[in-house]
Amino acid sequence: MNETPLLLGEKVRLTAVEKADMPIVRGWYQDTIFLRNYGSNPAYPLTLAELEKRLDQMQGDKNTYSFAIRPVLDDRLIGLIEIEGIYWSQRTGWLGIAIGEESMRGQGYGT
């Protein structure tokens, strides 16, 4: 593990989403189960360039926070969590959690 875990749970730690993660995420954007869990928009595939552009936009948006979900014991990217559309005055926002690695679903990593 390359960093001190700021957000650490029993099974996972949340880290920054990096451009190096985007090839893995691109594969998840071919999976309708992932897309239905992660976002409220209609499910459609994105290219690597589109995902990198989206990551850049999210990192510059003060109303969006995105995290990589990784197991406590290794650096594998297994999912994403995002809080977006935050209305600070009303203390509301949208939460999306999706485990992209199919073999990791149903094991409590997204709870």
Protein backbone atom coordinates (compact mmCIF):
# COMPACT_ATOMS: atom_id res chain seq x y z
CA MET A 1 0.00 0.00 0.00
CA ASN A 2 1.41 3.33 -1.06
CA GLU A 3 -0.38 5.69 1.29
CA THR A 4 -1.58 6.12 4.83
CA PRO A 5 -5.26 5.15 4.87
CA LEU A 6 -7.37 8.20 5.66
CA LEU A 7 -10.71 6.45 5.21
CA LEU A 8 -10.36 2.93 6.54
CA GLY A 9 -13.03 0.36 7.37
CA GLU A 10 -12.94 -3.29 8.38
CA LYS A 11 -12.90 -4.58 4.79
CA VAL A 12 -12.01 -1.61 2.59
CA ARG A 13 -10.18 1.66 2.43
CA LEU A 14 -11.18 4.59 0.28
CA THR A 15 -8.46 6.27 -1.74
CA ALA A 16 -8.20 8.83 -4.49
CA VAL A 17 -9.23 7.71 -7.96
CA GLU A 18 -6.20 7.94 -10.23
CA LYS A 19 -5.90 8.10 -14.02
CA ALA A 20 -4.02 4.80 -13.77
CA ASP A 21 -7.31 3.27 -12.52
CA MET A 22 -9.24 4.28 -15.64
CA PRO A 23 -8.43 1.22 -17.80
CA ILE A 24 -10.00 -0.98 -15.10
CA VAL A 25 -13.01 1.35 -14.78
CA ARG A 26 -13.44 1.31 -18.56
CA GLY A 27 -14.08 -2.44 -18.38
CA TRP A 28 -16.71 -1.86 -15.72
CA TYR A 29 -18.49 0.57 -18.05
CA GLN A 30 -19.34 -2.46 -20.20
CA ASP A 31 -21.20 -4.04 -17.25
CA THR A 32 -24.86 -3.03 -16.87
CA ILE A 33 -25.02 -4.17 -13.24
CA PHE A 34 -22.13 -1.86 -12.35
CA LEU A 35 -23.64 1.05 -14.28
CA ARG A 36 -27.09 0.63 -12.71
CA ASN A 37 -25.58 0.68 -9.22
CA TYR A 38 -23.12 3.50 -9.79
CA GLY A 39 -25.16 6.17 -11.51
CA SER A 40 -28.62 7.51 -12.12
CA ASN A 41 -28.00 8.23 -15.81
CA PRO A 42 -28.90 5.70 -18.51
CA ALA A 43 -26.24 2.98 -18.75
CA TYR A 44 -23.86 3.42 -21.67
CA PRO A 45 -20.20 2.59 -22.30
CA LEU A 46 -17.53 5.29 -22.12
CA THR A 47 -14.15 5.39 -23.82
CA LEU A 48 -10.93 5.70 -21.86
CA ALA A 49 -10.60 9.34 -22.97
CA GLU A 50 -14.17 10.10 -21.82
CA LEU A 51 -13.51 8.51 -18.42
CA GLU A 52 -10.28 10.48 -17.97
CA LYS A 53 -12.10 13.70 -18.89
CA ARG A 54 -14.88 12.87 -16.42
CA LEU A 55 -12.29 12.23 -13.70
CA ASP A 56 -10.68 15.61 -14.38
CA GLN A 57 -14.08 17.32 -14.16
CA MET A 58 -14.96 15.57 -10.90
CA GLN A 59 -11.64 16.48 -9.31
CA GLY A 60 -12.30 20.15 -10.08
CA ASP A 61 -15.91 20.11 -8.85
CA LYS A 62 -16.42 21.25 -5.26
CA ASN A 63 -19.81 19.49 -5.21
CA THR A 64 -18.49 16.04 -6.12
CA TYR A 65 -16.28 13.64 -4.20
CA SER A 66 -15.16 10.38 -5.76
CA PHE A 67 -13.21 7.57 -4.11
CA ALA A 68 -11.66 4.29 -5.18
CA ILE A 69 -12.71 1.27 -3.11
CA ARG A 70 -9.77 -1.01 -2.34
CA PRO A 71 -9.48 -4.01 -0.01
CA VAL A 72 -7.65 -3.29 3.24
CA LEU A 73 -4.86 -5.75 2.43
CA ASP A 74 -3.92 -4.74 -1.13
CA ASP A 75 -4.09 -2.01 -3.77
CA ARG A 76 -6.60 -3.68 -6.11
CA LEU A 77 -9.33 -1.38 -7.35
CA ILE A 78 -12.61 -3.21 -6.72
CA GLY A 79 -15.16 -0.41 -6.93
CA LEU A 80 -16.05 3.25 -6.82
CA ILE A 81 -18.03 5.47 -4.51
CA GLU A 82 -19.15 8.96 -5.40
CA ILE A 83 -21.03 11.73 -3.65
CA GLU A 84 -22.23 14.21 -6.24
CA GLY A 85 -24.71 17.02 -6.70
CA ILE A 86 -24.07 18.22 -3.19
CA TYR A 87 -26.28 21.07 -2.01
CA TRP A 88 -24.30 22.31 0.95
CA SER A 89 -27.02 24.59 2.31
CA GLN A 90 -29.52 21.71 2.37
CA ARG A 91 -26.93 19.09 3.35
CA THR A 92 -28.02 16.73 0.57
CA GLY A 93 -26.39 14.96 -2.35
CA TRP A 94 -26.46 11.80 -4.45
CA LEU A 95 -24.52 8.73 -3.37
CA GLY A 96 -23.40 6.05 -5.80
CA ILE A 97 -21.59 2.90 -4.71
CA ALA A 98 -20.69 0.11 -7.08
CA ILE A 99 -18.37 -2.86 -6.88
CA GLY A 100 -16.93 -3.27 -10.35
CA GLU A 101 -15.14 -6.55 -9.81
CA GLU A 102 -17.90 -9.10 -10.21
CA SER A 103 -16.11 -11.67 -8.03
CA MET A 104 -16.12 -9.17 -5.12
CA ARG A 105 -19.87 -8.43 -5.23
CA GLY A 106 -22.12 -9.69 -2.49
CA GLN A 107 -19.31 -9.88 0.07
CA GLY A 108 -20.04 -6.68 2.01
CA TYR A 109 -17.48 -4.41 0.35
CA GLY A 110 -20.10 -1.81 -0.59
CA THR A 111 -21.94 -1.69 2.72
